[in-house]
Amino acid sequence: MRDSEDMVVSSAATKNMTGADTTAVTVTTTEAAAMVGVSQRTIRRWIQRGYLPAESDPDGYRVSPTDLLAAKDAATGGQDR
C-alpha cells in the first residue's frame, strides 16, 4: 500500500452554481478503502447501495474523499464497526 502522500488523485474542473471554477478531487476505490479502513469490496458495495456517489472510469470507479465519512456513517448506521 502506498503512503497517502504518494496517492495519485484525479481532478476535474467544474463550475459551481455561481459559475465559479471548482476542482473536484477523486481517488480510486482502493485508495478510498485505505483512507477509511475498509476493504475495496466494501467501497464498491457502498457505491452499489447508493451510500457513496461515484464516477465511472475506464479503470473502475472514482470517488470524492469528502464523501467517504458520510458514506461510512450511512452504511454503518453511525456506528463504527
C-alpha atoms as a PDB file:
ATOM      1  CA  MET A   1       0.000   0.000   0.000  1.00  0.00           C
ATOM      2  CA  ARG A   2       1.215   3.476  -0.814  1.00  0.00           C
ATOM      3  CA  ASP A   3       1.573   6.311   1.687  1.00  0.00           C
ATOM      4  CA  SER A   4      -1.150   8.937   1.449  1.00  0.00           C
ATOM      5  CA  GLU A   5       1.484  11.373   0.163  1.00  0.00           C
ATOM      6  CA  ASP A   6       2.039   9.108  -2.831  1.00  0.00           C
ATOM      7  CA  MET A   7      -1.625   8.667  -3.735  1.00  0.00           C
ATOM      8  CA  VAL A   8      -2.489   9.586  -7.256  1.00  0.00           C
ATOM      9  CA  VAL A   9      -5.588  11.713  -7.419  1.00  0.00           C
ATOM     10  CA  SER A  10      -7.542  12.925 -10.375  1.00  0.00           C
ATOM     11  CA  SER A  11      -9.071  16.328 -10.509  1.00  0.00           C
ATOM     12  CA  ALA A  12     -11.756  17.589 -12.810  1.00  0.00           C
ATOM     13  CA  ALA A  13     -12.507  21.252 -13.273  1.00  0.00           C
ATOM     14  CA  THR A  14     -16.193  22.016 -12.934  1.00  0.00           C
ATOM     15  CA  LYS A  15     -18.354  25.081 -12.370  1.00  0.00           C
ATOM     16  CA  ASN A  16     -20.438  25.530  -9.251  1.00  0.00           C
ATOM     17  CA  MET A  17     -23.885  27.161  -9.183  1.00  0.00           C
ATOM     18  CA  THR A  18     -22.376  30.653  -9.190  1.00  0.00           C
ATOM     19  CA  GLY A  19     -20.317  29.840 -12.281  1.00  0.00           C
ATOM     20  CA  ALA A  20     -17.005  29.843 -10.415  1.00  0.00           C
ATOM     21  CA  ASP A  21     -14.495  27.159 -11.315  1.00  0.00           C
ATOM     22  CA  THR A  22     -14.013  24.436  -8.736  1.00  0.00           C
ATOM     23  CA  THR A  23     -11.727  21.441  -8.722  1.00  0.00           C
ATOM     24  CA  ALA A  24     -13.124  18.077  -7.704  1.00  0.00           C
ATOM     25  CA  VAL A  25     -10.503  15.654  -6.405  1.00  0.00           C
ATOM     26  CA  THR A  26     -11.260  11.958  -6.740  1.00  0.00           C
ATOM     27  CA  VAL A  27      -9.497   8.770  -5.689  1.00  0.00           C
ATOM     28  CA  THR A  28      -9.743   5.132  -6.734  1.00  0.00           C
ATOM     29  CA  THR A  29     -11.762   2.626  -4.728  1.00  0.00           C
ATOM     30  CA  THR A  30      -8.506   1.110  -3.456  1.00  0.00           C
ATOM     31  CA  GLU A  31      -7.286   4.477  -2.203  1.00  0.00           C
ATOM     32  CA  ALA A  32     -10.710   5.269  -0.710  1.00  0.00           C
ATOM     33  CA  ALA A  33     -10.732   1.950   1.150  1.00  0.00           C
ATOM     34  CA  ALA A  34      -7.333   2.701   2.676  1.00  0.00           C
ATOM     35  CA  MET A  35      -8.483   6.159   3.761  1.00  0.00           C
ATOM     36  CA  VAL A  36     -11.397   4.859   5.850  1.00  0.00           C
ATOM     37  CA  GLY A  37     -10.008   1.478   6.870  1.00  0.00           C
ATOM     38  CA  VAL A  38     -12.326  -0.823   4.940  1.00  0.00           C
ATOM     39  CA  SER A  39     -11.894  -3.212   2.022  1.00  0.00           C
ATOM     40  CA  GLN A  40     -12.173  -2.235  -1.628  1.00  0.00           C
ATOM     41  CA  ARG A  41     -15.179  -4.576  -1.840  1.00  0.00           C
ATOM     42  CA  THR A  42     -16.887  -2.560   0.902  1.00  0.00           C
ATOM     43  CA  ILE A  43     -16.333   0.671  -1.050  1.00  0.00           C
ATOM     44  CA  ARG A  44     -17.875  -0.943  -4.159  1.00  0.00           C
ATOM     45  CA  ARG A  45     -20.801  -2.152  -2.035  1.00  0.00           C
ATOM     46  CA  TRP A  46     -21.376   1.379  -0.697  1.00  0.00           C
ATOM     47  CA  ILE A  47     -21.428   2.647  -4.287  1.00  0.00           C
ATOM     48  CA  GLN A  48     -23.901  -0.045  -5.365  1.00  0.00           C
ATOM     49  CA  ARG A  49     -26.197   0.676  -2.397  1.00  0.00           C
ATOM     50  CA  GLY A  50     -26.150   4.427  -3.032  1.00  0.00           C
ATOM     51  CA  TYR A  51     -24.222   5.397   0.103  1.00  0.00           C
ATOM     52  CA  LEU A  52     -21.240   6.711  -1.875  1.00  0.00           C
ATOM     53  CA  PRO A  53     -21.506   8.771  -5.069  1.00  0.00           C
ATOM     54  CA  ALA A  54     -19.006   7.676  -7.720  1.00  0.00           C
ATOM     55  CA  GLU A  55     -17.943   8.375 -11.254  1.00  0.00           C
ATOM     56  CA  SER A  56     -17.294   5.553 -13.665  1.00  0.00           C
ATOM     57  CA  ASP A  57     -13.774   5.443 -15.041  1.00  0.00           C
ATOM     58  CA  PRO A  58     -12.227   3.073 -17.620  1.00  0.00           C
ATOM     59  CA  ASP A  59     -10.284   1.529 -14.718  1.00  0.00           C
ATOM     60  CA  GLY A  60     -13.266   1.277 -12.330  1.00  0.00           C
ATOM     61  CA  TYR A  61     -14.858   3.868 -10.077  1.00  0.00           C
ATOM     62  CA  ARG A  62     -13.528   7.112  -8.635  1.00  0.00           C
ATOM     63  CA  VAL A  63     -14.950   8.753  -5.532  1.00  0.00           C
ATOM     64  CA  SER A  64     -14.521  12.020  -3.703  1.00  0.00           C
ATOM     65  CA  PRO A  65     -12.669  11.731  -0.387  1.00  0.00           C
ATOM     66  CA  THR A  66     -15.066  14.282   1.088  1.00  0.00           C
ATOM     67  CA  ASP A  67     -17.942  11.789   0.673  1.00  0.00           C
ATOM     68  CA  LEU A  68     -16.239   8.902   2.479  1.00  0.00           C
ATOM     69  CA  LEU A  69     -17.115   9.640   6.115  1.00  0.00           C
ATOM     70  CA  ALA A  70     -20.776  10.313   5.316  1.00  0.00           C
ATOM     71  CA  ALA A  71     -20.922   7.051   3.338  1.00  0.00           C
ATOM     72  CA  LYS A  72     -19.354   5.136   6.232  1.00  0.00           C
ATOM     73  CA  ASP A  73     -21.868   6.639   8.667  1.00  0.00           C
ATOM     74  CA  ALA A  74     -24.779   5.801   6.344  1.00  0.00           C
ATOM     75  CA  ALA A  75     -23.550   2.245   5.805  1.00  0.00           C
ATOM     76  CA  THR A  76     -22.950   1.519   9.493  1.00  0.00           C
ATOM     77  CA  GLY A  77     -25.875   3.447  10.906  1.00  0.00           C
ATOM     78  CA  GLY A  78     -23.467   5.879  12.544  1.00  0.00           C
ATOM     79  CA  GLN A  79     -21.678   3.122  14.460  1.00  0.00           C
ATOM     80  CA  ASP A  80     -18.061   2.432  13.606  1.00  0.00           C
ATOM     81  CA  ARG A  81     -17.521  -1.288  13.172  1.00  0.00           C
END
